[in-house]
Amino acid sequence: MTEAGAAVSELRELDDLRALRDLFAAIWERPDEPPLTLETLKALAHSGAYVAGAHAGHRLVGGLVGWLGGAPSHGVHMHSHILGVAGDSQVRGLGFELKQHQRRWCLERGIEVVEWTTDPLVRRNAYFNLGKLGAQAPEYLVNFYGAMSDGLNAGEESDRLLIRWQLNSEQATAAAAGRAAEADIESLLRNGAGVVLSVGQHGEAVSASSNARVLICEVPEDIVAVRHTDASAARSWRLAARRVLGDAFAAGYRITNATRTGHYVLER
C-alpha cells in the first residue's frame, strides 16, 4: 500500500487485465483500438513480463507495463512501454509509486536499466522522468511511432526522447528516497548556460544557438492544448524542438535534468 492509499501489485487474472486494457483505452481516448489488447496483456503476464496495476479500493486507477529487451551498449534491460493513471484519480503521486514498484521489481531480478520514450514537448512528463525519477535522455528519436491517431496526439509526428533510467545511479537512488534535486535554472544562467529554445511573448518557439557547456531548452506549458487550438503552432514547436535538440545531441550533449517550469538542462 502506498502512502497515498493505493495498492500496487502485479496483474495476472483476466478481470484485472481487462480493467487495465479499458483504463489505457480511456486515458489515450482509443475506445475502439486500445493501446494494448486483452490478448497481448494476457500473453505478457503469462510469460513473466512486468504487468502491474494500482487499486484504490476496488477500482483500478493506474497501470504500468514493460518487458525485457537487449541492446549491444548495455545488455539486458526493461523496456517500459506504457504508464497511465486515471485522470479523475484522487491518489497523489501514483505514477511515481508505480515506477518505484517497477524499479524494485527489476533490481530484485538483477536488471539495472529501464528505458522508455516520451514526447519531448510534454512538460509534465519531462519533469517526472528526468527530475522526479532521476533518469537521463541520451537520444532524440524522430517520428519514432509514425503518425499518431489517438485523442492526445492526433495529427502529430511522434518525435520522442529515449529515457534511460540507471536504477542504481546516484540520481535514481536519491529520487527513490524522495531527495531528487531540481535544477536551478537561474543559477545555471548566471554561470554561463546558453538558452537554445524558449517560449516567446505570444507562446511561439524562439530558438538560438550556443556552444556553452550547459544548454537550457524550454518547452510550452501545455502542448496538448496547443494541438487542439492551433495545429500550426504545435507543428512549429515540433520542428523547433527537433532541430534544437537534434543538433545538441549530435554535438555530444545529453539531457541530464528537467524542471517543473518546462526547462531541460543539457550537458556535455
C-alpha atoms as a PDB file:
ATOM      1  CA  MET A   1       0.000   0.000   0.000  1.00  0.00           C
ATOM      2  CA  THR A   2       1.407   3.398  -0.983  1.00  0.00           C
ATOM      3  CA  GLU A   3       1.395   6.368   1.352  1.00  0.00           C
ATOM      4  CA  ALA A   4      -1.335   7.826  -0.841  1.00  0.00           C
ATOM      5  CA  GLY A   5      -3.621   4.856  -0.206  1.00  0.00           C
ATOM      6  CA  ALA A   6      -3.311   2.763  -3.378  1.00  0.00           C
ATOM      7  CA  ALA A   7      -2.101  -0.824  -3.577  1.00  0.00           C
ATOM      8  CA  VAL A   8       0.359  -1.590  -6.395  1.00  0.00           C
ATOM      9  CA  SER A   9       0.748  -5.207  -7.477  1.00  0.00           C
ATOM     10  CA  GLU A  10       1.367  -7.390 -10.497  1.00  0.00           C
ATOM     11  CA  LEU A  11      -1.732  -8.287 -12.510  1.00  0.00           C
ATOM     12  CA  ARG A  12      -2.334 -11.800 -13.825  1.00  0.00           C
ATOM     13  CA  GLU A  13      -6.090 -12.522 -13.798  1.00  0.00           C
ATOM     14  CA  LEU A  14      -8.279 -11.797 -16.820  1.00  0.00           C
ATOM     15  CA  ASP A  15     -10.616  -9.474 -14.927  1.00  0.00           C
ATOM     16  CA  ASP A  16      -7.704  -7.323 -13.802  1.00  0.00           C
ATOM     17  CA  LEU A  17      -6.129  -7.329 -17.257  1.00  0.00           C
ATOM     18  CA  ARG A  18      -9.453  -6.386 -18.833  1.00  0.00           C
ATOM     19  CA  ALA A  19      -9.717  -3.450 -16.432  1.00  0.00           C
ATOM     20  CA  LEU A  20      -6.169  -2.419 -17.347  1.00  0.00           C
ATOM     21  CA  ARG A  21      -6.967  -2.570 -21.067  1.00  0.00           C
ATOM     22  CA  ASP A  22     -10.031  -0.382 -20.542  1.00  0.00           C
ATOM     23  CA  LEU A  23      -8.105   2.082 -18.383  1.00  0.00           C
ATOM     24  CA  PHE A  24      -5.441   2.585 -21.048  1.00  0.00           C
ATOM     25  CA  ALA A  25      -8.125   2.909 -23.755  1.00  0.00           C
ATOM     26  CA  ALA A  26      -9.851   5.677 -21.767  1.00  0.00           C
ATOM     27  CA  ILE A  27      -6.640   7.580 -20.983  1.00  0.00           C
ATOM     28  CA  TRP A  28      -5.467   7.546 -24.599  1.00  0.00           C
ATOM     29  CA  GLU A  29      -9.014   8.138 -25.925  1.00  0.00           C
ATOM     30  CA  ARG A  30      -8.928   4.957 -28.009  1.00  0.00           C
ATOM     31  CA  PRO A  31     -12.074   3.003 -27.023  1.00  0.00           C
ATOM     32  CA  ASP A  32     -12.159   1.030 -30.275  1.00  0.00           C
ATOM     33  CA  GLU A  33      -8.412   0.396 -30.523  1.00  0.00           C
ATOM     34  CA  PRO A  34      -6.814   0.137 -27.066  1.00  0.00           C
ATOM     35  CA  PRO A  35      -3.061   0.683 -26.836  1.00  0.00           C
ATOM     36  CA  LEU A  36      -2.781  -2.942 -25.650  1.00  0.00           C
ATOM     37  CA  THR A  37      -5.344  -5.662 -26.289  1.00  0.00           C
ATOM     38  CA  LEU A  38      -6.529  -8.119 -23.649  1.00  0.00           C
ATOM     39  CA  GLU A  39      -4.812 -10.938 -25.528  1.00  0.00           C
ATOM     40  CA  THR A  40      -1.476  -9.098 -25.543  1.00  0.00           C
ATOM     41  CA  LEU A  41      -1.733  -8.253 -21.849  1.00  0.00           C
ATOM     42  CA  LYS A  42      -2.526 -11.864 -21.015  1.00  0.00           C
ATOM     43  CA  ALA A  43       0.416 -13.120 -23.066  1.00  0.00           C
ATOM     44  CA  LEU A  44       2.773 -10.654 -21.413  1.00  0.00           C
ATOM     45  CA  ALA A  45       1.578 -11.515 -17.916  1.00  0.00           C
ATOM     46  CA  HIS A  46       1.730 -15.251 -18.591  1.00  0.00           C
ATOM     47  CA  SER A  47       5.283 -15.036 -19.963  1.00  0.00           C
ATOM     48  CA  GLY A  48       6.546 -13.236 -16.870  1.00  0.00           C
ATOM     49  CA  ALA A  49       6.724  -9.708 -18.257  1.00  0.00           C
ATOM     50  CA  TYR A  50       6.042  -6.764 -15.977  1.00  0.00           C
ATOM     51  CA  VAL A  51       2.296  -6.009 -15.857  1.00  0.00           C
ATOM     52  CA  ALA A  52       1.281  -4.017 -12.790  1.00  0.00           C
ATOM     53  CA  GLY A  53      -1.704  -2.037 -11.605  1.00  0.00           C
ATOM     54  CA  ALA A  54      -2.702   0.221  -8.733  1.00  0.00           C
ATOM     55  CA  HIS A  55      -6.031  -0.243  -6.950  1.00  0.00           C
ATOM     56  CA  ALA A  56      -7.726   2.369  -4.792  1.00  0.00           C
ATOM     57  CA  GLY A  57     -10.330   0.288  -3.033  1.00  0.00           C
ATOM     58  CA  HIS A  58     -11.818  -1.975  -5.697  1.00  0.00           C
ATOM     59  CA  ARG A  59     -11.070   0.388  -8.580  1.00  0.00           C
ATOM     60  CA  LEU A  60      -8.044   0.127 -10.871  1.00  0.00           C
ATOM     61  CA  VAL A  61      -6.673   3.671 -11.124  1.00  0.00           C
ATOM     62  CA  GLY A  62      -3.249   3.152 -12.687  1.00  0.00           C
ATOM     63  CA  GLY A  63      -1.137   0.684 -14.615  1.00  0.00           C
ATOM     64  CA  LEU A  64       2.352   0.086 -15.959  1.00  0.00           C
ATOM     65  CA  VAL A  65       3.573  -2.483 -18.495  1.00  0.00           C
ATOM     66  CA  GLY A  66       7.088  -3.435 -19.590  1.00  0.00           C
ATOM     67  CA  TRP A  67       9.147  -6.348 -20.856  1.00  0.00           C
ATOM     68  CA  LEU A  68      12.791  -7.330 -21.245  1.00  0.00           C
ATOM     69  CA  GLY A  69      14.906  -6.286 -24.193  1.00  0.00           C
ATOM     70  CA  GLY A  70      18.564  -6.370 -25.137  1.00  0.00           C
ATOM     71  CA  ALA A  71      20.982  -3.780 -26.528  1.00  0.00           C
ATOM     72  CA  PRO A  72      24.652  -4.041 -27.526  1.00  0.00           C
ATOM     73  CA  SER A  73      25.531  -0.967 -25.427  1.00  0.00           C
ATOM     74  CA  HIS A  74      24.071  -2.040 -22.074  1.00  0.00           C
ATOM     75  CA  GLY A  75      22.756  -5.591 -22.413  1.00  0.00           C
ATOM     76  CA  VAL A  76      19.505  -6.839 -20.930  1.00  0.00           C
ATOM     77  CA  HIS A  77      17.200  -4.091 -19.756  1.00  0.00           C
ATOM     78  CA  MET A  78      13.499  -3.471 -19.312  1.00  0.00           C
ATOM     79  CA  HIS A  79      11.578  -1.607 -21.989  1.00  0.00           C
ATOM     80  CA  SER A  80       8.852   0.218 -20.075  1.00  0.00           C
ATOM     81  CA  HIS A  81       6.136   0.561 -22.696  1.00  0.00           C
ATOM     82  CA  ILE A  82       3.157   2.309 -21.135  1.00  0.00           C
ATOM     83  CA  LEU A  83       2.237   4.066 -17.882  1.00  0.00           C
ATOM     84  CA  GLY A  84      -1.192   5.528 -17.240  1.00  0.00           C
ATOM     85  CA  VAL A  85      -3.147   6.973 -14.320  1.00  0.00           C
ATOM     86  CA  ALA A  86      -6.881   7.701 -14.390  1.00  0.00           C
ATOM     87  CA  GLY A  87      -7.480  11.420 -14.850  1.00  0.00           C
ATOM     88  CA  ASP A  88     -10.057  11.538 -12.058  1.00  0.00           C
ATOM     89  CA  SER A  89      -7.970   9.562  -9.585  1.00  0.00           C
ATOM     90  CA  GLN A  90      -7.656  11.240  -6.186  1.00  0.00           C
ATOM     91  CA  VAL A  91      -4.440   9.335  -5.410  1.00  0.00           C
ATOM     92  CA  ARG A  92      -1.495  11.733  -5.479  1.00  0.00           C
ATOM     93  CA  GLY A  93       1.932  10.618  -6.664  1.00  0.00           C
ATOM     94  CA  LEU A  94       0.639   7.387  -8.145  1.00  0.00           C
ATOM     95  CA  GLY A  95       2.808   7.483 -11.267  1.00  0.00           C
ATOM     96  CA  PHE A  96       5.882   7.782  -9.056  1.00  0.00           C
ATOM     97  CA  GLU A  97       4.743   4.856  -6.889  1.00  0.00           C
ATOM     98  CA  LEU A  98       4.188   2.686  -9.967  1.00  0.00           C
ATOM     99  CA  LYS A  99       7.675   3.456 -11.276  1.00  0.00           C
ATOM    100  CA  GLN A 100       9.255   2.723  -7.886  1.00  0.00           C
ATOM    101  CA  HIS A 101       7.435  -0.620  -7.805  1.00  0.00           C
ATOM    102  CA  GLN A 102       8.890  -1.318 -11.250  1.00  0.00           C
ATOM    103  CA  ARG A 103      12.364  -0.269 -10.049  1.00  0.00           C
ATOM    104  CA  ARG A 104      12.224  -2.690  -7.110  1.00  0.00           C
ATOM    105  CA  TRP A 105      10.897  -5.479  -9.362  1.00  0.00           C
ATOM    106  CA  CYS A 106      13.822  -5.023 -11.738  1.00  0.00           C
ATOM    107  CA  LEU A 107      16.525  -4.778  -9.082  1.00  0.00           C
ATOM    108  CA  GLU A 108      15.252  -7.961  -7.430  1.00  0.00           C
ATOM    109  CA  ARG A 109      15.892  -9.704 -10.759  1.00  0.00           C
ATOM    110  CA  GLY A 110      19.287  -8.161 -11.457  1.00  0.00           C
ATOM    111  CA  ILE A 111      18.005  -5.706 -14.065  1.00  0.00           C
ATOM    112  CA  GLU A 112      19.692  -2.321 -13.642  1.00  0.00           C
ATOM    113  CA  VAL A 113      18.448  -0.320 -16.648  1.00  0.00           C
ATOM    114  CA  VAL A 114      14.928   0.646 -17.699  1.00  0.00           C
ATOM    115  CA  GLU A 115      14.230   2.510 -20.940  1.00  0.00           C
ATOM    116  CA  TRP A 116      11.148   4.124 -22.424  1.00  0.00           C
ATOM    117  CA  THR A 117      10.219   7.002 -24.707  1.00  0.00           C
ATOM    118  CA  THR A 118       8.458  10.293 -24.051  1.00  0.00           C
ATOM    119  CA  ASP A 119       7.263  13.243 -26.119  1.00  0.00           C
ATOM    120  CA  PRO A 120       9.873  15.990 -25.570  1.00  0.00           C
ATOM    121  CA  LEU A 121       7.177  18.682 -25.773  1.00  0.00           C
ATOM    122  CA  VAL A 122       5.102  17.378 -22.850  1.00  0.00           C
ATOM    123  CA  ARG A 123       6.397  19.402 -19.910  1.00  0.00           C
ATOM    124  CA  ARG A 124       4.928  17.386 -17.052  1.00  0.00           C
ATOM    125  CA  ASN A 125       6.366  14.127 -18.404  1.00  0.00           C
ATOM    126  CA  ALA A 126       9.806  15.666 -18.847  1.00  0.00           C
ATOM    127  CA  TYR A 127       9.903  16.750 -15.222  1.00  0.00           C
ATOM    128  CA  PHE A 128       8.526  13.419 -13.993  1.00  0.00           C
ATOM    129  CA  ASN A 129      11.017  11.294 -15.933  1.00  0.00           C
ATOM    130  CA  LEU A 130      14.151  13.374 -15.529  1.00  0.00           C
ATOM    131  CA  GLY A 131      13.505  15.387 -12.395  1.00  0.00           C
ATOM    132  CA  LYS A 132      11.464  13.152 -10.103  1.00  0.00           C
ATOM    133  CA  LEU A 133      12.820   9.763 -11.184  1.00  0.00           C
ATOM    134  CA  GLY A 134      16.452  10.727 -11.785  1.00  0.00           C
ATOM    135  CA  ALA A 135      16.676   9.341 -15.327  1.00  0.00           C
ATOM    136  CA  GLN A 136      18.532  10.840 -18.303  1.00  0.00           C
ATOM    137  CA  ALA A 137      17.763  11.294 -22.004  1.00  0.00           C
ATOM    138  CA  PRO A 138      20.654  10.269 -24.268  1.00  0.00           C
ATOM    139  CA  GLU A 139      18.927  10.204 -27.685  1.00  0.00           C
ATOM    140  CA  TYR A 140      16.355  12.064 -29.821  1.00  0.00           C
ATOM    141  CA  LEU A 141      14.161   9.794 -31.974  1.00  0.00           C
ATOM    142  CA  VAL A 142      12.462  11.414 -34.991  1.00  0.00           C
ATOM    143  CA  ASN A 143       8.861  10.307 -35.734  1.00  0.00           C
ATOM    144  CA  PHE A 144       9.504   7.135 -33.752  1.00  0.00           C
ATOM    145  CA  TYR A 145       5.995   5.609 -33.975  1.00  0.00           C
ATOM    146  CA  GLY A 146       4.946   7.292 -37.227  1.00  0.00           C
ATOM    147  CA  ALA A 147       1.795   9.423 -37.408  1.00  0.00           C
ATOM    148  CA  MET A 148      -0.359   9.161 -34.282  1.00  0.00           C
ATOM    149  CA  SER A 149      -4.139   8.705 -34.230  1.00  0.00           C
ATOM    150  CA  ASP A 150      -5.116   8.735 -30.546  1.00  0.00           C
ATOM    151  CA  GLY A 151      -7.005  11.590 -28.951  1.00  0.00           C
ATOM    152  CA  LEU A 152      -3.924  13.124 -27.330  1.00  0.00           C
ATOM    153  CA  ASN A 153      -1.563  13.070 -30.325  1.00  0.00           C
ATOM    154  CA  ALA A 154      -3.768  13.017 -33.450  1.00  0.00           C
ATOM    155  CA  GLY A 155      -2.177  14.668 -36.462  1.00  0.00           C
ATOM    156  CA  GLU A 156       1.284  14.847 -34.874  1.00  0.00           C
ATOM    157  CA  GLU A 157       4.535  13.200 -35.836  1.00  0.00           C
ATOM    158  CA  SER A 158       5.785  11.110 -32.939  1.00  0.00           C
ATOM    159  CA  ASP A 159       9.203  12.517 -32.076  1.00  0.00           C
ATOM    160  CA  ARG A 160      10.392  11.040 -28.805  1.00  0.00           C
ATOM    161  CA  LEU A 161      13.198  11.254 -26.301  1.00  0.00           C
ATOM    162  CA  LEU A 162      14.767   7.980 -25.264  1.00  0.00           C
ATOM    163  CA  ILE A 163      14.710   7.891 -21.465  1.00  0.00           C
ATOM    164  CA  ARG A 164      17.345   5.747 -19.792  1.00  0.00           C
ATOM    165  CA  TRP A 165      16.903   5.049 -16.075  1.00  0.00           C
ATOM    166  CA  GLN A 166      20.051   3.684 -14.453  1.00  0.00           C
ATOM    167  CA  LEU A 167      18.355   2.174 -11.409  1.00  0.00           C
ATOM    168  CA  ASN A 168      21.403   2.115  -9.146  1.00  0.00           C
ATOM    169  CA  SER A 169      22.694   5.550 -10.135  1.00  0.00           C
ATOM    170  CA  GLU A 170      23.144   8.233  -7.505  1.00  0.00           C
ATOM    171  CA  GLN A 171      20.316  10.272  -9.061  1.00  0.00           C
ATOM    172  CA  ALA A 172      17.826   7.389  -9.203  1.00  0.00           C
ATOM    173  CA  THR A 173      18.661   6.260  -5.675  1.00  0.00           C
ATOM    174  CA  ALA A 174      18.207   9.779  -4.291  1.00  0.00           C
ATOM    175  CA  ALA A 175      14.948  10.172  -6.219  1.00  0.00           C
ATOM    176  CA  ALA A 176      13.589   6.893  -4.850  1.00  0.00           C
ATOM    177  CA  ALA A 177      14.239   8.225  -1.340  1.00  0.00           C
ATOM    178  CA  GLY A 178      12.406  11.469  -2.133  1.00  0.00           C
ATOM    179  CA  ARG A 179      15.604  13.522  -2.389  1.00  0.00           C
ATOM    180  CA  ALA A 180      15.579  14.396  -6.095  1.00  0.00           C
ATOM    181  CA  ALA A 181      17.262  17.771  -6.682  1.00  0.00           C
ATOM    182  CA  GLU A 182      15.554  20.115  -9.151  1.00  0.00           C
ATOM    183  CA  ALA A 183      17.912  22.090 -11.357  1.00  0.00           C
ATOM    184  CA  ASP A 184      18.331  25.785 -10.507  1.00  0.00           C
ATOM    185  CA  ILE A 185      17.892  27.439 -13.905  1.00  0.00           C
ATOM    186  CA  GLU A 186      18.685  30.968 -12.704  1.00  0.00           C
ATOM    187  CA  SER A 187      21.954  29.801 -11.184  1.00  0.00           C
ATOM    188  CA  LEU A 188      22.889  27.930 -14.356  1.00  0.00           C
ATOM    189  CA  LEU A 189      22.202  31.040 -16.444  1.00  0.00           C
ATOM    190  CA  ARG A 190      24.334  33.203 -14.147  1.00  0.00           C
ATOM    191  CA  ASN A 191      27.149  30.706 -14.643  1.00  0.00           C
ATOM    192  CA  GLY A 192      27.075  30.895 -18.422  1.00  0.00           C
ATOM    193  CA  ALA A 193      24.455  28.379 -19.595  1.00  0.00           C
ATOM    194  CA  GLY A 194      23.122  29.120 -23.068  1.00  0.00           C
ATOM    195  CA  VAL A 195      19.398  29.268 -23.909  1.00  0.00           C
ATOM    196  CA  VAL A 196      18.729  27.445 -27.183  1.00  0.00           C
ATOM    197  CA  LEU A 197      14.910  27.246 -27.108  1.00  0.00           C
ATOM    198  CA  SER A 198      12.384  29.375 -25.216  1.00  0.00           C
ATOM    199  CA  VAL A 199       8.711  30.369 -25.205  1.00  0.00           C
ATOM    200  CA  GLY A 200       8.168  33.729 -26.880  1.00  0.00           C
ATOM    201  CA  GLN A 201       5.849  36.543 -25.857  1.00  0.00           C
ATOM    202  CA  HIS A 202       2.952  35.049 -27.792  1.00  0.00           C
ATOM    203  CA  GLY A 203       3.691  31.410 -26.989  1.00  0.00           C
ATOM    204  CA  GLU A 204       5.811  30.829 -30.076  1.00  0.00           C
ATOM    205  CA  ALA A 205       9.041  28.815 -30.216  1.00  0.00           C
ATOM    206  CA  VAL A 206      12.161  31.020 -30.154  1.00  0.00           C
ATOM    207  CA  SER A 207      15.409  29.237 -30.952  1.00  0.00           C
ATOM    208  CA  ALA A 208      19.021  30.371 -30.712  1.00  0.00           C
ATOM    209  CA  SER A 209      22.479  28.866 -30.984  1.00  0.00           C
ATOM    210  CA  SER A 210      25.051  28.349 -28.252  1.00  0.00           C
ATOM    211  CA  ASN A 211      28.148  26.258 -27.671  1.00  0.00           C
ATOM    212  CA  ALA A 212      28.131  26.690 -23.892  1.00  0.00           C
ATOM    213  CA  ARG A 213      28.902  23.617 -21.795  1.00  0.00           C
ATOM    214  CA  VAL A 214      25.359  23.714 -20.385  1.00  0.00           C
ATOM    215  CA  LEU A 215      22.307  24.444 -22.524  1.00  0.00           C
ATOM    216  CA  ILE A 216      18.753  25.342 -21.474  1.00  0.00           C
ATOM    217  CA  CYS A 217      15.772  24.328 -23.602  1.00  0.00           C
ATOM    218  CA  GLU A 218      12.229  25.431 -22.674  1.00  0.00           C
ATOM    219  CA  VAL A 219       9.000  23.810 -23.916  1.00  0.00           C
ATOM    220  CA  PRO A 220       5.420  25.171 -23.787  1.00  0.00           C
ATOM    221  CA  GLU A 221       3.196  24.808 -20.756  1.00  0.00           C
ATOM    222  CA  ASP A 222       0.581  22.565 -22.416  1.00  0.00           C
ATOM    223  CA  ILE A 223       1.384  21.279 -25.907  1.00  0.00           C
ATOM    224  CA  VAL A 224      -1.734  19.082 -25.929  1.00  0.00           C
ATOM    225  CA  ALA A 225      -3.920  22.191 -25.585  1.00  0.00           C
ATOM    226  CA  VAL A 226      -1.914  23.896 -28.346  1.00  0.00           C
ATOM    227  CA  ARG A 227      -2.560  20.935 -30.645  1.00  0.00           C
ATOM    228  CA  HIS A 228      -6.300  21.325 -30.127  1.00  0.00           C
ATOM    229  CA  THR A 229      -6.366  25.106 -30.619  1.00  0.00           C
ATOM    230  CA  ASP A 230      -3.579  25.879 -33.105  1.00  0.00           C
ATOM    231  CA  ALA A 231      -2.207  22.964 -35.108  1.00  0.00           C
ATOM    232  CA  SER A 232       0.204  25.242 -36.970  1.00  0.00           C
ATOM    233  CA  ALA A 233       1.782  26.471 -33.729  1.00  0.00           C
ATOM    234  CA  ALA A 234       2.065  22.898 -32.457  1.00  0.00           C
ATOM    235  CA  ARG A 235       3.818  21.927 -35.682  1.00  0.00           C
ATOM    236  CA  SER A 236       6.231  24.850 -35.313  1.00  0.00           C
ATOM    237  CA  TRP A 237       7.094  23.695 -31.809  1.00  0.00           C
ATOM    238  CA  ARG A 238       7.699  20.155 -33.040  1.00  0.00           C
ATOM    239  CA  LEU A 239      10.095  21.301 -35.751  1.00  0.00           C
ATOM    240  CA  ALA A 240      11.908  23.741 -33.457  1.00  0.00           C
ATOM    241  CA  ALA A 241      12.448  21.127 -30.736  1.00  0.00           C
ATOM    242  CA  ARG A 242      13.523  18.558 -33.336  1.00  0.00           C
ATOM    243  CA  ARG A 243      16.119  20.924 -34.760  1.00  0.00           C
ATOM    244  CA  VAL A 244      17.450  22.297 -31.481  1.00  0.00           C
ATOM    245  CA  LEU A 245      17.570  19.045 -29.525  1.00  0.00           C
ATOM    246  CA  GLY A 246      18.700  17.020 -32.537  1.00  0.00           C
ATOM    247  CA  ASP A 247      21.610  19.396 -33.126  1.00  0.00           C
ATOM    248  CA  ALA A 248      22.523  19.321 -29.433  1.00  0.00           C
ATOM    249  CA  PHE A 249      22.585  15.522 -29.276  1.00  0.00           C
ATOM    250  CA  ALA A 250      24.653  15.406 -32.465  1.00  0.00           C
ATOM    251  CA  ALA A 251      27.129  17.777 -30.807  1.00  0.00           C
ATOM    252  CA  GLY A 252      27.550  15.451 -27.829  1.00  0.00           C
ATOM    253  CA  TYR A 253      25.064  16.880 -25.337  1.00  0.00           C
ATOM    254  CA  ARG A 254      22.650  14.797 -23.296  1.00  0.00           C
ATOM    255  CA  ILE A 255      19.678  15.828 -21.184  1.00  0.00           C
ATOM    256  CA  THR A 256      20.504  15.440 -17.514  1.00  0.00           C
ATOM    257  CA  ASN A 257      17.539  17.116 -15.822  1.00  0.00           C
ATOM    258  CA  ALA A 258      14.224  18.909 -16.335  1.00  0.00           C
ATOM    259  CA  THR A 259      12.249  21.309 -14.167  1.00  0.00           C
ATOM    260  CA  ARG A 260       8.599  21.826 -13.281  1.00  0.00           C
ATOM    261  CA  THR A 261       8.725  25.033 -15.302  1.00  0.00           C
ATOM    262  CA  GLY A 262       9.479  23.205 -18.545  1.00  0.00           C
ATOM    263  CA  HIS A 263      13.248  23.683 -18.820  1.00  0.00           C
ATOM    264  CA  TYR A 264      15.552  20.908 -19.995  1.00  0.00           C
ATOM    265  CA  VAL A 265      19.175  21.000 -18.864  1.00  0.00           C
ATOM    266  CA  LEU A 266      21.661  19.631 -21.416  1.00  0.00           C
ATOM    267  CA  GLU A 267      25.310  18.989 -20.617  1.00  0.00           C
ATOM    268  CA  ARG A 268      28.377  17.622 -22.356  1.00  0.00           C
END
